[in-house]
């Protein structure tokens, strides 16, 4: 005969018992007319660890940052693979130091009871930004905005576009979320040469160049 929280008949139902340490008893009678002999055991129900982290991200070559998954569970051990560019592949939130190439990092989490969870993040690394020197915002669906390939790797980028008199006609203070479409305050800008200043990250020098607006 079995007894304890989560016991149904001769089975222990872990889900019914819930997370924790549960005292179980079982009694055996050597014969019907004999007294039962009881023994005790402890059933441990441990939560399976979980991992929640972004699955894709972009950055620029040489950048350093941390991987910051959100985890549940206790007494966890961590293993990131591969260890390339990581300062500590056994840390919960390792630092990625001067990343140089595209990477896919996989995190394996294991608790003290051997329960495991895994998840991965794919990192795309841009070596540079491709800056076109002209675009044609004429509404034909082709090159209607000034497209900066790779700018998504620089979420803190600041961009200004100036007209021939040095007036700012476009400003993106933090990231290039709304591309320059050749308008200023809702009015179409005239064709001509414009100057841009692009600072990818605060500690880097400002990139300067010219841009031809064609219609």
N, C-alpha and C. Protein backbone atom coordinates (compact mmCIF):
# COMPACT_ATOMS: atom_id res chain seq x y z
N UNK A 1 0.86 -1.19 0.00
CA UNK A 1 0.00 0.00 0.00
C UNK A 1 0.89 1.24 0.00
N UNK A 2 0.53 2.21 -0.84
CA UNK A 2 1.32 3.43 -0.98
C UNK A 2 0.53 4.62 -0.43
N UNK A 3 1.24 5.61 0.07
CA UNK A 3 0.59 6.79 0.60
C UNK A 3 1.45 8.02 0.44
N UNK A 4 0.81 9.20 0.38
CA UNK A 4 1.53 10.45 0.27
C UNK A 4 0.88 11.36 -0.77
N UNK A 5 1.28 12.62 -0.76
CA UNK A 5 0.73 13.59 -1.71
C UNK A 5 1.12 13.19 -3.13
N UNK A 6 0.12 13.16 -4.02
CA UNK A 6 0.38 12.83 -5.41
C UNK A 6 0.28 11.34 -5.73
N UNK A 7 -0.02 10.53 -4.73
CA UNK A 7 -0.11 9.09 -4.95
C UNK A 7 -1.52 8.72 -5.35
N UNK A 8 -1.64 7.98 -6.45
CA UNK A 8 -2.91 7.42 -6.89
C UNK A 8 -2.69 5.93 -7.14
N UNK A 9 -3.30 5.13 -6.27
CA UNK A 9 -3.11 3.68 -6.39
C UNK A 9 -1.66 3.33 -6.11
N UNK A 10 -0.99 2.78 -7.11
CA UNK A 10 0.43 2.44 -6.94
C UNK A 10 1.33 3.35 -7.78
N UNK A 11 0.82 4.55 -8.16
CA UNK A 11 1.61 5.48 -8.96
C UNK A 11 1.74 6.83 -8.26
N UNK A 12 2.92 7.43 -8.43
CA UNK A 12 3.15 8.78 -7.93
C UNK A 12 2.98 9.74 -9.09
N UNK A 13 2.06 10.71 -8.98
CA UNK A 13 1.76 11.66 -10.03
C UNK A 13 2.47 12.97 -9.73
N UNK A 14 3.58 13.19 -10.41
CA UNK A 14 4.41 14.37 -10.12
C UNK A 14 3.66 15.67 -10.35
N UNK A 15 2.88 15.75 -11.43
CA UNK A 15 2.15 16.98 -11.72
C UNK A 15 1.15 17.29 -10.63
N UNK A 16 0.49 16.27 -10.13
CA UNK A 16 -0.50 16.45 -9.08
C UNK A 16 0.17 16.86 -7.77
N UNK A 17 1.33 16.31 -7.51
CA UNK A 17 2.02 16.63 -6.26
C UNK A 17 2.56 18.06 -6.27
N UNK A 18 3.06 18.47 -7.42
CA UNK A 18 3.60 19.82 -7.52
C UNK A 18 5.08 19.87 -7.20
N UNK A 19 5.67 21.06 -7.39
CA UNK A 19 7.09 21.25 -7.16
C UNK A 19 7.41 21.11 -5.67
N UNK A 20 8.49 20.39 -5.38
CA UNK A 20 8.93 20.28 -3.99
C UNK A 20 9.39 18.89 -3.63
N UNK A 21 9.65 18.68 -2.33
CA UNK A 21 10.06 17.38 -1.78
C UNK A 21 8.84 16.76 -1.11
N UNK A 22 8.51 15.55 -1.49
CA UNK A 22 7.29 14.90 -1.00
C UNK A 22 7.62 13.57 -0.33
N UNK A 23 7.17 13.44 0.93
CA UNK A 23 7.39 12.20 1.69
C UNK A 23 6.37 11.15 1.25
N UNK A 24 6.87 10.01 0.85
CA UNK A 24 6.02 8.89 0.42
C UNK A 24 6.26 7.69 1.33
N UNK A 25 5.21 6.94 1.54
CA UNK A 25 5.34 5.71 2.34
C UNK A 25 4.77 4.55 1.55
N UNK A 26 5.35 3.41 1.77
CA UNK A 26 4.74 2.20 1.23
C UNK A 26 4.87 1.10 2.28
N UNK A 27 3.81 0.34 2.39
CA UNK A 27 3.69 -0.70 3.43
C UNK A 27 3.53 -2.05 2.76
N UNK A 28 4.29 -3.02 3.26
CA UNK A 28 4.23 -4.38 2.72
C UNK A 28 3.94 -5.34 3.86
N UNK A 29 2.95 -6.22 3.65
CA UNK A 29 2.65 -7.27 4.62
C UNK A 29 3.23 -8.59 4.13
N UNK A 30 4.11 -9.19 4.90
CA UNK A 30 4.66 -10.48 4.45
C UNK A 30 3.58 -11.56 4.33
N UNK A 31 2.49 -11.40 5.10
CA UNK A 31 1.35 -12.31 5.03
C UNK A 31 0.14 -11.55 5.52
N UNK A 32 -1.07 -11.93 5.09
CA UNK A 32 -2.27 -11.18 5.49
C UNK A 32 -2.43 -11.05 6.99
N UNK A 33 -2.01 -12.07 7.74
CA UNK A 33 -2.21 -12.02 9.18
C UNK A 33 -1.07 -11.30 9.90
N UNK A 34 -0.05 -10.85 9.17
CA UNK A 34 1.10 -10.19 9.79
C UNK A 34 0.95 -8.67 9.72
N UNK A 35 1.62 -8.02 10.64
CA UNK A 35 1.64 -6.57 10.63
C UNK A 35 2.44 -6.07 9.43
N UNK A 36 2.03 -4.91 8.93
CA UNK A 36 2.73 -4.36 7.78
C UNK A 36 4.08 -3.77 8.15
N UNK A 37 5.00 -3.84 7.22
CA UNK A 37 6.32 -3.22 7.37
C UNK A 37 6.37 -2.00 6.44
N UNK A 38 6.61 -0.83 7.03
CA UNK A 38 6.56 0.42 6.25
C UNK A 38 7.97 0.97 5.99
N UNK A 39 8.08 1.65 4.90
CA UNK A 39 9.32 2.34 4.54
C UNK A 39 8.97 3.70 3.97
N UNK A 40 9.90 4.61 4.08
CA UNK A 40 9.68 5.99 3.62
C UNK A 40 10.68 6.35 2.53
N UNK A 41 10.21 7.11 1.57
CA UNK A 41 11.06 7.66 0.52
C UNK A 41 10.64 9.11 0.29
N UNK A 42 11.53 9.88 -0.28
CA UNK A 42 11.22 11.26 -0.62
C UNK A 42 11.28 11.42 -2.13
N UNK A 43 10.19 11.88 -2.72
CA UNK A 43 10.13 12.15 -4.15
C UNK A 43 10.38 13.65 -4.37
N UNK A 44 11.33 13.93 -5.21
CA UNK A 44 11.68 15.32 -5.49
C UNK A 44 11.13 15.68 -6.87
N UNK A 45 10.29 16.70 -6.92
CA UNK A 45 9.76 17.19 -8.19
C UNK A 45 10.42 18.54 -8.47
N UNK A 46 11.21 18.59 -9.53
CA UNK A 46 11.97 19.80 -9.86
C UNK A 46 11.40 20.45 -11.11
N UNK A 47 11.32 21.79 -11.12
CA UNK A 47 10.85 22.46 -12.34
C UNK A 47 11.89 22.36 -13.44
N UNK A 48 11.42 22.19 -14.67
CA UNK A 48 12.32 22.19 -15.82
C UNK A 48 12.76 23.63 -16.07
N UNK A 49 14.06 23.88 -16.22
CA UNK A 49 14.49 25.26 -16.50
C UNK A 49 13.96 25.74 -17.84
N UNK A 50 13.76 27.04 -17.94
CA UNK A 50 13.30 27.63 -19.20
C UNK A 50 14.23 28.77 -19.59
N UNK A 51 14.30 29.03 -20.90
CA UNK A 51 15.15 30.09 -21.45
C UNK A 51 14.29 30.97 -22.35
N UNK A 52 14.40 32.26 -22.16
CA UNK A 52 13.72 33.22 -23.02
C UNK A 52 14.76 34.24 -23.49
N UNK A 53 15.08 34.24 -24.79
CA UNK A 53 16.01 35.22 -25.32
C UNK A 53 15.69 35.49 -26.79
N UNK A 54 16.16 36.62 -27.28
CA UNK A 54 15.93 36.94 -28.68
C UNK A 54 16.66 35.91 -29.54
N UNK A 55 16.11 35.61 -30.72
CA UNK A 55 16.68 34.57 -31.56
C UNK A 55 17.53 35.13 -32.69
N UNK A 56 17.39 36.40 -33.01
CA UNK A 56 18.24 37.03 -34.03
C UNK A 56 18.62 38.43 -33.58
N UNK A 57 19.81 38.84 -33.95
CA UNK A 57 20.24 40.20 -33.68
C UNK A 57 21.32 40.59 -34.68
N UNK A 58 21.53 41.88 -34.84
CA UNK A 58 22.58 42.38 -35.73
C UNK A 58 23.50 43.28 -34.94
N UNK A 59 24.75 43.32 -35.35
CA UNK A 59 25.72 44.20 -34.71
C UNK A 59 26.82 44.48 -35.72
N UNK A 60 27.82 45.23 -35.30
CA UNK A 60 28.90 45.58 -36.21
C UNK A 60 30.20 44.90 -35.78
N UNK A 61 31.09 44.72 -36.72
CA UNK A 61 32.35 44.04 -36.46
C UNK A 61 33.17 44.81 -35.42
N UNK A 62 33.66 44.06 -34.41
CA UNK A 62 34.45 44.67 -33.35
C UNK A 62 33.65 45.11 -32.15
N UNK A 63 32.32 45.01 -32.20
CA UNK A 63 31.50 45.44 -31.07
C UNK A 63 31.61 44.45 -29.92
N UNK A 64 31.42 44.95 -28.71
CA UNK A 64 31.38 44.12 -27.51
C UNK A 64 30.06 44.35 -26.79
N UNK A 65 29.45 43.30 -26.31
CA UNK A 65 28.15 43.39 -25.66
C UNK A 65 27.93 42.13 -24.84
N UNK A 66 26.81 42.05 -24.16
CA UNK A 66 26.49 40.88 -23.34
C UNK A 66 25.30 40.13 -23.91
N UNK A 67 25.29 38.82 -23.72
CA UNK A 67 24.12 37.98 -24.01
C UNK A 67 23.31 37.89 -22.73
N UNK A 68 22.03 38.25 -22.81
CA UNK A 68 21.23 38.40 -21.59
C UNK A 68 19.92 37.62 -21.66
N UNK A 69 19.97 36.29 -21.66
CA UNK A 69 18.73 35.53 -21.64
C UNK A 69 18.03 35.66 -20.29
N UNK A 70 16.71 35.48 -20.30
CA UNK A 70 15.93 35.42 -19.07
C UNK A 70 15.68 33.94 -18.76
N UNK A 71 16.05 33.53 -17.56
CA UNK A 71 16.00 32.11 -17.19
C UNK A 71 15.12 31.90 -15.97
N UNK A 72 14.51 30.71 -15.89
CA UNK A 72 13.81 30.30 -14.69
C UNK A 72 14.43 29.01 -14.19
N UNK A 73 14.32 28.78 -12.90
CA UNK A 73 14.90 27.59 -12.29
C UNK A 73 15.96 27.99 -11.28
N UNK A 74 16.42 27.04 -10.52
CA UNK A 74 17.42 27.30 -9.48
C UNK A 74 18.55 26.31 -9.59
N UNK A 75 19.69 26.66 -8.98
CA UNK A 75 20.89 25.81 -8.99
C UNK A 75 21.25 25.42 -10.42
N UNK A 76 21.32 26.43 -11.28
CA UNK A 76 21.53 26.16 -12.70
C UNK A 76 23.01 26.19 -13.06
N UNK A 77 23.35 25.39 -14.07
CA UNK A 77 24.67 25.44 -14.70
C UNK A 77 24.48 25.84 -16.16
N UNK A 78 25.44 26.59 -16.69
CA UNK A 78 25.30 27.15 -18.02
C UNK A 78 26.48 26.72 -18.90
N UNK A 79 26.18 26.47 -20.18
CA UNK A 79 27.24 26.20 -21.14
C UNK A 79 26.85 26.78 -22.49
N UNK A 80 27.64 27.77 -22.94
CA UNK A 80 27.44 28.40 -24.25
C UNK A 80 28.41 27.78 -25.25
N UNK A 81 27.90 27.45 -26.42
CA UNK A 81 28.76 26.94 -27.50
C UNK A 81 28.40 27.64 -28.81
N UNK A 82 29.41 27.92 -29.64
CA UNK A 82 30.84 27.78 -29.34
C UNK A 82 31.28 28.87 -28.37
N UNK A 83 32.53 28.78 -27.92
CA UNK A 83 33.05 29.77 -26.97
C UNK A 83 33.71 30.95 -27.67
N UNK A 84 33.74 30.95 -28.99
CA UNK A 84 34.40 32.00 -29.77
C UNK A 84 33.87 33.38 -29.40
N UNK A 85 34.77 34.29 -29.07
CA UNK A 85 34.51 35.69 -28.70
C UNK A 85 33.87 35.84 -27.32
N UNK A 86 33.60 34.74 -26.59
CA UNK A 86 32.97 34.84 -25.28
C UNK A 86 34.02 34.95 -24.18
N UNK A 87 33.78 35.83 -23.20
CA UNK A 87 34.73 35.95 -22.10
C UNK A 87 34.58 34.82 -21.09
N UNK A 88 33.38 34.24 -20.97
CA UNK A 88 33.18 33.12 -20.05
C UNK A 88 31.99 32.30 -20.54
N UNK A 89 32.22 31.19 -21.25
CA UNK A 89 31.12 30.40 -21.80
C UNK A 89 30.31 29.65 -20.74
N UNK A 90 30.71 29.73 -19.47
CA UNK A 90 29.93 29.08 -18.40
C UNK A 90 29.15 30.09 -17.58
N UNK A 91 29.12 31.35 -18.01
CA UNK A 91 28.40 32.39 -17.28
C UNK A 91 26.96 32.48 -17.75
N UNK A 92 26.10 32.96 -16.87
CA UNK A 92 24.69 33.16 -17.23
C UNK A 92 24.56 34.23 -18.31
N UNK A 93 25.28 35.32 -18.14
CA UNK A 93 25.25 36.44 -19.09
C UNK A 93 26.69 36.73 -19.54
N UNK A 94 27.22 35.94 -20.46
CA UNK A 94 28.60 36.15 -20.88
C UNK A 94 28.75 37.40 -21.73
N UNK A 95 29.97 37.94 -21.74
CA UNK A 95 30.27 39.06 -22.61
C UNK A 95 30.81 38.56 -23.94
N UNK A 96 30.33 39.17 -25.02
CA UNK A 96 30.88 38.92 -26.35
C UNK A 96 31.90 40.03 -26.60
N UNK A 97 33.15 39.65 -26.82
CA UNK A 97 34.23 40.62 -26.88
C UNK A 97 34.74 40.75 -28.31
N UNK A 98 34.60 41.95 -28.87
CA UNK A 98 35.13 42.26 -30.21
C UNK A 98 34.72 41.20 -31.24
N UNK A 99 33.43 41.01 -31.39
CA UNK A 99 32.93 39.99 -32.32
C UNK A 99 33.43 40.29 -33.74
N UNK A 100 33.80 39.22 -34.45
CA UNK A 100 34.40 39.42 -35.76
C UNK A 100 33.66 38.81 -36.92
N UNK A 101 32.81 37.81 -36.66
CA UNK A 101 32.09 37.13 -37.73
C UNK A 101 30.68 36.78 -37.27
N UNK A 102 29.83 36.40 -38.23
CA UNK A 102 28.49 35.92 -37.88
C UNK A 102 28.62 34.72 -36.94
N UNK A 103 27.73 34.65 -35.97
CA UNK A 103 27.79 33.56 -34.99
C UNK A 103 26.38 33.06 -34.66
N UNK A 104 26.31 31.78 -34.33
CA UNK A 104 25.11 31.21 -33.72
C UNK A 104 25.54 30.63 -32.38
N UNK A 105 25.06 31.23 -31.30
CA UNK A 105 25.38 30.74 -29.96
C UNK A 105 24.22 29.92 -29.41
N UNK A 106 24.54 28.77 -28.85
CA UNK A 106 23.54 27.90 -28.23
C UNK A 106 23.82 27.80 -26.74
N UNK A 107 22.79 28.02 -25.95
CA UNK A 107 22.89 27.93 -24.50
C UNK A 107 22.24 26.65 -24.02
N UNK A 108 22.99 25.87 -23.23
CA UNK A 108 22.46 24.69 -22.55
C UNK A 108 22.40 25.01 -21.06
N UNK A 109 21.21 24.89 -20.49
CA UNK A 109 21.01 25.12 -19.06
C UNK A 109 20.63 23.79 -18.41
N UNK A 110 21.26 23.50 -17.27
CA UNK A 110 20.97 22.25 -16.57
C UNK A 110 20.88 22.53 -15.08
N UNK A 111 19.84 21.97 -14.43
CA UNK A 111 19.74 22.15 -12.98
C UNK A 111 20.39 20.97 -12.25
N UNK A 112 20.35 21.02 -10.93
CA UNK A 112 21.05 20.01 -10.13
C UNK A 112 20.44 18.62 -10.25
N UNK A 113 19.24 18.52 -10.83
CA UNK A 113 18.58 17.22 -11.00
C UNK A 113 18.77 16.67 -12.41
N UNK A 114 19.52 17.40 -13.25
CA UNK A 114 19.79 16.93 -14.60
C UNK A 114 18.76 17.35 -15.62
N UNK A 115 17.79 18.17 -15.23
CA UNK A 115 16.80 18.67 -16.19
C UNK A 115 17.47 19.77 -17.04
N UNK A 116 17.21 19.74 -18.35
CA UNK A 116 17.92 20.62 -19.27
C UNK A 116 16.96 21.42 -20.14
N UNK A 117 17.48 22.54 -20.65
CA UNK A 117 16.78 23.35 -21.66
C UNK A 117 17.85 23.96 -22.55
N UNK A 118 17.51 24.16 -23.82
CA UNK A 118 18.45 24.78 -24.76
C UNK A 118 17.73 25.84 -25.59
N UNK A 119 18.49 26.83 -26.05
CA UNK A 119 17.97 27.84 -26.96
C UNK A 119 19.17 28.47 -27.67
N UNK A 120 18.91 29.14 -28.79
CA UNK A 120 19.99 29.68 -29.60
C UNK A 120 19.68 31.11 -30.04
N UNK A 121 20.75 31.86 -30.33
CA UNK A 121 20.63 33.19 -30.89
C UNK A 121 21.57 33.29 -32.09
N UNK A 122 21.06 33.82 -33.19
CA UNK A 122 21.85 34.01 -34.40
C UNK A 122 22.24 35.48 -34.51
N UNK A 123 23.54 35.74 -34.60
CA UNK A 123 24.05 37.11 -34.64
C UNK A 123 24.65 37.38 -36.02
N UNK A 124 24.13 38.39 -36.69
CA UNK A 124 24.67 38.82 -37.98
C UNK A 124 25.58 40.01 -37.76
N UNK A 125 26.79 39.91 -38.29
CA UNK A 125 27.80 40.95 -38.07
C UNK A 125 28.06 41.68 -39.39
N UNK A 126 27.86 43.00 -39.35
CA UNK A 126 28.15 43.83 -40.52
C UNK A 126 29.52 44.49 -40.34
N UNK A 127 30.32 44.41 -41.40
CA UNK A 127 31.65 45.00 -41.34
C UNK A 127 31.60 46.49 -41.66
N UNK A 128 30.62 46.90 -42.45
CA UNK A 128 30.52 48.30 -42.82
C UNK A 128 29.10 48.62 -43.24
N UNK A 129 28.82 49.91 -43.42
CA UNK A 129 27.53 50.37 -43.94
C UNK A 129 27.72 50.74 -45.40
N UNK A 130 26.79 50.31 -46.24
CA UNK A 130 26.81 50.67 -47.66
C UNK A 130 25.96 51.92 -47.85
N UNK A 131 26.62 53.01 -48.24
CA UNK A 131 25.95 54.31 -48.33
C UNK A 131 25.85 54.71 -49.81
N UNK A 132 24.67 54.66 -50.41
CA UNK A 132 24.54 55.08 -51.81
C UNK A 132 24.73 56.58 -51.93
N UNK A 133 25.25 57.01 -53.08
CA UNK A 133 25.50 58.44 -53.27
C UNK A 133 24.38 59.13 -54.04
N UNK A 134 23.27 58.40 -54.30
CA UNK A 134 22.14 59.01 -54.99
C UNK A 134 20.88 58.18 -54.73
N UNK A 135 19.73 58.82 -54.81
CA UNK A 135 18.45 58.11 -54.79
C UNK A 135 17.41 58.96 -55.52
N UNK A 136 16.29 58.33 -55.89
CA UNK A 136 15.31 58.98 -56.75
C UNK A 136 13.91 58.91 -56.13
N UNK A 137 13.58 59.81 -55.23
CA UNK A 137 12.25 59.78 -54.60
C UNK A 137 11.16 60.34 -55.51
N UNK A 138 10.84 59.58 -56.58
CA UNK A 138 9.84 60.04 -57.54
C UNK A 138 8.56 59.22 -57.52
N UNK A 139 8.44 58.32 -56.54
CA UNK A 139 7.20 57.58 -56.38
C UNK A 139 7.03 56.40 -57.30
N UNK A 140 8.11 55.96 -57.96
CA UNK A 140 7.97 54.81 -58.87
C UNK A 140 8.22 53.48 -58.18
N UNK A 141 8.45 53.52 -56.87
CA UNK A 141 8.66 52.29 -56.12
C UNK A 141 10.08 51.77 -56.15
N UNK A 142 10.99 52.49 -56.80
CA UNK A 142 12.40 52.08 -56.87
C UNK A 142 13.28 53.23 -56.38
N UNK A 143 14.10 52.92 -55.38
CA UNK A 143 15.02 53.91 -54.80
C UNK A 143 14.30 55.17 -54.33
N UNK A 144 13.10 54.99 -53.79
CA UNK A 144 12.33 56.14 -53.33
C UNK A 144 12.81 56.67 -51.98
N UNK A 145 13.60 55.87 -51.27
CA UNK A 145 14.18 56.33 -50.01
C UNK A 145 15.68 56.04 -50.05
N UNK A 146 16.38 56.75 -49.22
CA UNK A 146 17.84 56.59 -49.11
C UNK A 146 18.10 55.38 -48.23
N UNK A 147 18.45 54.26 -48.84
CA UNK A 147 18.62 53.00 -48.11
C UNK A 147 20.07 52.81 -47.70
N UNK A 148 20.29 52.62 -46.39
CA UNK A 148 21.64 52.42 -45.85
C UNK A 148 21.75 50.96 -45.40
N UNK A 149 22.27 50.11 -46.25
CA UNK A 149 22.38 48.69 -45.93
C UNK A 149 23.39 48.49 -44.80
N UNK A 150 22.95 47.79 -43.75
CA UNK A 150 23.80 47.53 -42.60
C UNK A 150 23.61 48.49 -41.45
N UNK A 151 22.80 49.53 -41.64
CA UNK A 151 22.60 50.52 -40.59
C UNK A 151 21.90 49.92 -39.37
N UNK A 152 21.16 48.81 -39.57
CA UNK A 152 20.46 48.18 -38.45
C UNK A 152 21.42 47.66 -37.38
N UNK A 153 22.70 47.51 -37.74
CA UNK A 153 23.70 47.07 -36.76
C UNK A 153 24.10 48.18 -35.81
N UNK A 154 23.62 49.41 -36.07
CA UNK A 154 24.01 50.57 -35.27
C UNK A 154 22.76 51.25 -34.71
N UNK A 155 22.16 50.71 -33.67
CA UNK A 155 20.91 51.28 -33.15
C UNK A 155 21.06 52.67 -32.55
N UNK A 156 22.30 53.10 -32.29
CA UNK A 156 22.52 54.44 -31.72
C UNK A 156 23.04 55.43 -32.76
N UNK A 157 22.96 55.05 -34.03
CA UNK A 157 23.48 55.93 -35.08
C UNK A 157 22.71 57.25 -35.11
N UNK A 158 23.44 58.32 -35.43
CA UNK A 158 22.82 59.64 -35.60
C UNK A 158 23.16 60.13 -37.00
N UNK A 159 22.14 60.58 -37.73
CA UNK A 159 22.32 60.98 -39.13
C UNK A 159 21.68 62.35 -39.37
N UNK A 160 22.42 63.20 -40.05
CA UNK A 160 21.90 64.49 -40.48
C UNK A 160 22.15 64.68 -41.97
N UNK A 161 21.18 65.28 -42.65
CA UNK A 161 21.33 65.64 -44.06
C UNK A 161 21.14 67.15 -44.16
N UNK A 162 22.05 67.81 -44.90
CA UNK A 162 22.05 69.27 -45.02
C UNK A 162 21.83 69.68 -46.48
N UNK A 163 21.15 70.81 -46.66
CA UNK A 163 21.03 71.36 -48.01
C UNK A 163 22.25 72.23 -48.32
N UNK A 164 22.26 72.87 -49.46
CA UNK A 164 23.43 73.64 -49.90
C UNK A 164 23.71 74.84 -49.02
N UNK A 165 22.74 75.28 -48.23
CA UNK A 165 22.93 76.42 -47.35
C UNK A 165 23.28 76.00 -45.92
N UNK A 166 23.49 74.69 -45.74
CA UNK A 166 23.88 74.20 -44.42
C UNK A 166 22.74 73.98 -43.46
N UNK A 167 21.51 74.02 -43.98
CA UNK A 167 20.35 73.78 -43.12
C UNK A 167 20.08 72.27 -43.02
N UNK A 168 19.71 71.82 -41.83
CA UNK A 168 19.38 70.41 -41.62
C UNK A 168 17.99 70.13 -42.17
N UNK A 169 17.93 69.26 -43.17
CA UNK A 169 16.63 68.92 -43.76
C UNK A 169 16.19 67.51 -43.36
N UNK A 170 17.07 66.78 -42.68
CA UNK A 170 16.70 65.46 -42.16
C UNK A 170 17.59 65.17 -40.96
N UNK A 171 16.98 64.63 -39.90
CA UNK A 171 17.74 64.28 -38.71
C UNK A 171 17.16 63.01 -38.09
N UNK A 172 18.00 62.00 -37.93
CA UNK A 172 17.63 60.78 -37.21
C UNK A 172 18.53 60.71 -35.99
N UNK A 173 18.02 61.02 -34.79
CA UNK A 173 18.89 61.13 -33.62
C UNK A 173 19.33 59.81 -33.02
N UNK A 174 18.60 58.74 -33.26
CA UNK A 174 18.94 57.46 -32.64
C UNK A 174 18.45 56.32 -33.53
N UNK A 175 19.32 55.85 -34.39
CA UNK A 175 18.94 54.79 -35.32
C UNK A 175 18.22 55.34 -36.54
N UNK A 176 18.28 54.57 -37.60
CA UNK A 176 17.71 55.00 -38.89
C UNK A 176 16.37 54.30 -39.09
N UNK A 177 15.43 54.57 -38.19
CA UNK A 177 14.15 53.86 -38.21
C UNK A 177 13.21 54.38 -39.29
N UNK A 178 13.33 55.66 -39.65
CA UNK A 178 12.51 56.25 -40.71
C UNK A 178 13.46 56.80 -41.77
N UNK A 179 13.67 56.08 -42.87
CA UNK A 179 14.65 56.51 -43.87
C UNK A 179 14.30 57.88 -44.48
N UNK A 180 15.33 58.55 -44.92
CA UNK A 180 15.18 59.84 -45.60
C UNK A 180 14.49 59.62 -46.93
N UNK A 181 13.36 60.33 -47.14
CA UNK A 181 12.55 60.13 -48.36
C UNK A 181 12.55 61.34 -49.28
N UNK A 182 13.47 62.28 -49.03
CA UNK A 182 13.56 63.43 -49.93
C UNK A 182 12.54 64.51 -49.65
N UNK A 183 11.94 64.48 -48.44
CA UNK A 183 11.00 65.54 -48.08
C UNK A 183 11.48 66.24 -46.81
N UNK A 184 10.98 67.45 -46.61
CA UNK A 184 11.27 68.22 -45.40
C UNK A 184 10.00 68.92 -44.97
N UNK A 185 9.54 68.57 -43.77
CA UNK A 185 8.30 69.12 -43.23
C UNK A 185 7.13 68.89 -44.19
N UNK A 186 7.12 67.70 -44.80
CA UNK A 186 6.03 67.31 -45.67
C UNK A 186 6.12 67.81 -47.09
N UNK A 187 7.14 68.59 -47.41
CA UNK A 187 7.29 69.13 -48.76
C UNK A 187 8.47 68.46 -49.47
N UNK A 188 8.31 68.19 -50.77
CA UNK A 188 9.37 67.57 -51.54
C UNK A 188 10.55 68.52 -51.68
N UNK A 189 11.74 68.02 -51.41
CA UNK A 189 12.95 68.82 -51.58
C UNK A 189 13.35 68.88 -53.05
N UNK A 190 13.97 69.95 -53.47
CA UNK A 190 14.37 70.06 -54.88
C UNK A 190 15.54 69.12 -55.19
N UNK A 191 15.66 68.71 -56.46
CA UNK A 191 16.82 67.91 -56.86
C UNK A 191 18.10 68.69 -56.59
N UNK A 192 19.17 67.93 -56.36
CA UNK A 192 20.44 68.58 -56.13
C UNK A 192 21.33 67.75 -55.24
N UNK A 193 22.44 68.36 -54.84
CA UNK A 193 23.43 67.69 -54.00
C UNK A 193 23.19 68.10 -52.55
N UNK A 194 23.14 67.09 -51.68
CA UNK A 194 23.00 67.30 -50.25
C UNK A 194 24.21 66.67 -49.54
N UNK A 195 24.47 67.12 -48.36
CA UNK A 195 25.60 66.61 -47.57
C UNK A 195 25.05 65.84 -46.38
N UNK A 196 25.67 64.71 -46.07
CA UNK A 196 25.24 63.93 -44.90
C UNK A 196 26.38 63.82 -43.90
N UNK A 197 26.01 63.75 -42.62
CA UNK A 197 26.91 63.42 -41.53
C UNK A 197 26.34 62.19 -40.83
N UNK A 198 27.14 61.16 -40.72
CA UNK A 198 26.68 59.90 -40.11
C UNK A 198 27.66 59.51 -39.01
N UNK A 199 27.15 59.42 -37.78
CA UNK A 199 27.95 58.92 -36.66
C UNK A 199 27.34 57.60 -36.22
N UNK A 200 28.07 56.52 -36.45
CA UNK A 200 27.52 55.18 -36.18
C UNK A 200 27.38 54.90 -34.69
N UNK A 201 28.42 55.19 -33.93
CA UNK A 201 28.40 55.06 -32.47
C UNK A 201 29.11 56.28 -31.89
N UNK A 202 28.78 56.68 -30.65
CA UNK A 202 29.30 57.94 -30.11
C UNK A 202 30.82 58.05 -30.12
N UNK A 203 31.53 56.95 -29.92
CA UNK A 203 32.99 57.04 -29.81
C UNK A 203 33.70 57.01 -31.15
N UNK A 204 32.98 56.85 -32.24
CA UNK A 204 33.60 56.80 -33.57
C UNK A 204 33.48 58.15 -34.27
N UNK A 205 34.37 58.35 -35.23
CA UNK A 205 34.38 59.60 -35.98
C UNK A 205 33.15 59.71 -36.87
N UNK A 206 32.76 60.94 -37.16
CA UNK A 206 31.61 61.20 -38.03
C UNK A 206 32.01 60.95 -39.49
N UNK A 207 31.16 60.19 -40.19
CA UNK A 207 31.36 59.98 -41.63
C UNK A 207 30.65 61.09 -42.39
N UNK A 208 31.35 61.67 -43.34
CA UNK A 208 30.79 62.78 -44.11
C UNK A 208 30.84 62.44 -45.60
N UNK A 209 29.80 62.87 -46.31
CA UNK A 209 29.78 62.62 -47.74
C UNK A 209 28.68 63.41 -48.41
N UNK A 210 28.55 63.23 -49.72
CA UNK A 210 27.53 63.94 -50.47
C UNK A 210 26.52 62.96 -51.05
N UNK A 211 25.32 63.47 -51.26
CA UNK A 211 24.20 62.65 -51.72
C UNK A 211 23.46 63.41 -52.81
N UNK A 212 23.23 62.75 -53.91
CA UNK A 212 22.51 63.36 -55.03
C UNK A 212 21.04 62.95 -54.95
N UNK A 213 20.16 63.92 -54.88
CA UNK A 213 18.72 63.69 -54.92
C UNK A 213 18.25 63.95 -56.35
N UNK A 214 17.69 62.93 -56.98
CA UNK A 214 17.23 63.03 -58.36
C UNK A 214 15.73 62.79 -58.42
N UNK A 215 15.07 63.46 -59.33
CA UNK A 215 13.62 63.25 -59.53
C UNK A 215 13.32 63.04 -60.99
